[in-house]
């Protein structure tokens, strides 16, 4: 059977649905606006240049009782989720943001499917 190659938008939609279904509190980070260039196309302009590279979604686990059992760093109630298409890769600015997030104890996940998301958030 041929595997479908999901777009970033497909993975984003499925990831938000999965987070809702598993009682995560989450916010979609939109750090760019689209503007029309002189040729009629669109380009992305950062809204806040200090936050270039921030993840697509920030999510929090709703079961805070787990922290008392597992304790940091195995338990992380805050997740930074970067969503990619099946062949997408991180930009250097995203890797820099990832390093900053890890210093604060935030689990940073790069996901290309809902299965990736589940593995990184539930099946640790």
Protein backbone atom coordinates (compact mmCIF):
# COMPACT_ATOMS: atom_id res chain seq x y z
CA UNK A 1 0.00 0.00 0.00
CA UNK A 2 1.35 3.42 -0.93
CA UNK A 3 1.85 5.85 1.98
CA UNK A 4 0.42 9.33 1.55
CA UNK A 5 2.85 12.23 1.69
CA UNK A 6 1.17 14.72 3.99
CA UNK A 7 1.60 18.46 3.55
CA UNK A 8 2.52 20.66 6.49
CA UNK A 9 -1.06 21.98 6.56
CA UNK A 10 -2.40 18.41 6.79
CA UNK A 11 -0.03 17.53 9.64
CA UNK A 12 -0.90 20.82 11.40
CA UNK A 13 -4.64 20.14 11.20
CA UNK A 14 -4.26 16.54 12.39
CA UNK A 15 -1.91 17.59 15.21
CA UNK A 16 -4.37 20.18 16.52
CA UNK A 17 -7.17 17.60 16.41
CA UNK A 18 -4.99 15.10 18.29
CA UNK A 19 -4.06 17.66 20.97
CA UNK A 20 -7.74 18.48 21.47
CA UNK A 21 -8.69 14.81 21.70
CA UNK A 22 -6.00 14.19 24.35
CA UNK A 23 -6.90 17.19 26.54
CA UNK A 24 -3.84 19.32 25.88
CA UNK A 25 -4.05 23.09 26.19
CA UNK A 26 -2.37 24.54 23.13
CA UNK A 27 -1.87 27.72 21.13
CA UNK A 28 -0.97 28.09 17.47
CA UNK A 29 1.94 30.48 17.13
CA UNK A 30 1.67 32.66 14.05
CA UNK A 31 4.79 34.78 13.97
CA UNK A 32 4.58 35.80 10.32
CA UNK A 33 2.29 37.78 8.10
CA UNK A 34 1.99 37.42 4.38
CA UNK A 35 2.43 40.44 2.14
CA UNK A 36 2.20 40.73 -1.60
CA UNK A 37 5.46 41.42 -3.38
CA UNK A 38 5.87 43.52 -6.53
CA UNK A 39 5.48 40.47 -8.76
CA UNK A 40 2.06 39.61 -7.30
CA UNK A 41 3.32 36.70 -5.21
CA UNK A 42 3.40 36.43 -1.45
CA UNK A 43 6.27 36.53 0.98
CA UNK A 44 6.44 35.94 4.73
CA UNK A 45 7.47 38.82 6.97
CA UNK A 46 8.26 38.17 10.66
CA UNK A 47 5.93 40.07 12.99
CA UNK A 48 8.51 40.06 15.82
CA UNK A 49 12.09 39.62 14.60
CA UNK A 50 13.16 38.53 18.10
CA UNK A 51 10.99 35.42 17.79
CA UNK A 52 12.09 34.18 14.38
CA UNK A 53 12.30 30.40 14.51
CA UNK A 54 9.65 29.91 17.19
CA UNK A 55 7.63 26.67 16.93
CA UNK A 56 4.23 26.28 15.28
CA UNK A 57 2.43 25.12 18.43
CA UNK A 58 3.04 25.48 22.16
CA UNK A 59 1.15 22.88 24.21
CA UNK A 60 0.71 22.06 27.88
CA UNK A 61 -0.12 18.70 29.38
CA UNK A 62 -3.22 18.82 31.55
CA UNK A 63 -2.21 16.14 34.07
CA UNK A 64 0.06 18.07 36.42
CA UNK A 65 -0.01 15.22 38.95
CA UNK A 66 2.53 13.36 36.81
CA UNK A 67 5.26 15.84 37.74
CA UNK A 68 5.13 14.69 41.38
CA UNK A 69 5.56 11.08 40.26
CA UNK A 70 8.13 11.41 37.47
CA UNK A 71 9.73 14.80 38.19
CA UNK A 72 11.75 16.76 35.64
CA UNK A 73 13.32 16.16 33.15
CA UNK A 74 11.39 12.97 32.24
CA UNK A 75 8.11 14.79 32.78
CA UNK A 76 7.61 17.96 30.85
CA UNK A 77 4.32 19.78 30.91
CA UNK A 78 5.29 22.31 28.23
CA UNK A 79 5.97 21.28 24.65
CA UNK A 80 7.19 23.31 21.68
CA UNK A 81 5.98 21.58 18.52
CA UNK A 82 7.46 22.31 15.10
CA UNK A 83 5.29 20.85 12.34
CA UNK A 84 6.89 19.81 9.05
CA UNK A 85 5.75 18.15 5.85
CA UNK A 86 6.98 14.64 5.11
CA UNK A 87 10.21 16.07 3.66
CA UNK A 88 10.50 19.31 5.63
CA UNK A 89 13.63 20.23 7.59
CA UNK A 90 14.37 22.78 10.29
CA UNK A 91 15.84 26.15 9.45
CA UNK A 92 18.86 27.38 11.42
CA UNK A 93 16.67 29.90 13.28
CA UNK A 94 14.40 27.04 14.38
CA UNK A 95 17.37 25.05 15.66
CA UNK A 96 18.48 28.11 17.66
CA UNK A 97 14.98 28.43 19.17
CA UNK A 98 15.06 24.72 19.98
CA UNK A 99 18.32 25.16 21.93
CA UNK A 100 16.81 28.08 23.89
CA UNK A 101 13.68 26.07 24.69
CA UNK A 102 15.69 23.14 26.02
CA UNK A 103 17.57 25.47 28.40
CA UNK A 104 14.19 26.26 29.98
CA UNK A 105 13.24 22.58 30.25
CA UNK A 106 10.74 22.74 27.39
CA UNK A 107 10.48 19.57 25.34
CA UNK A 108 10.92 20.51 21.67
CA UNK A 109 9.37 18.16 19.11
CA UNK A 110 9.68 18.12 15.34
CA UNK A 111 6.73 16.19 13.93
CA UNK A 112 5.91 15.08 10.41
CA UNK A 113 2.83 13.05 11.34
CA UNK A 114 0.36 12.49 14.16
CA UNK A 115 2.26 9.29 14.92
CA UNK A 116 5.42 11.38 15.54
CA UNK A 117 3.43 13.67 17.83
CA UNK A 118 2.04 10.74 19.83
CA UNK A 119 5.46 9.11 20.19
CA UNK A 120 7.02 12.31 21.51
CA UNK A 121 4.22 13.40 23.83
CA UNK A 122 2.71 10.15 25.11
CA UNK A 123 5.05 7.26 24.37
CA UNK A 124 8.14 8.96 25.80
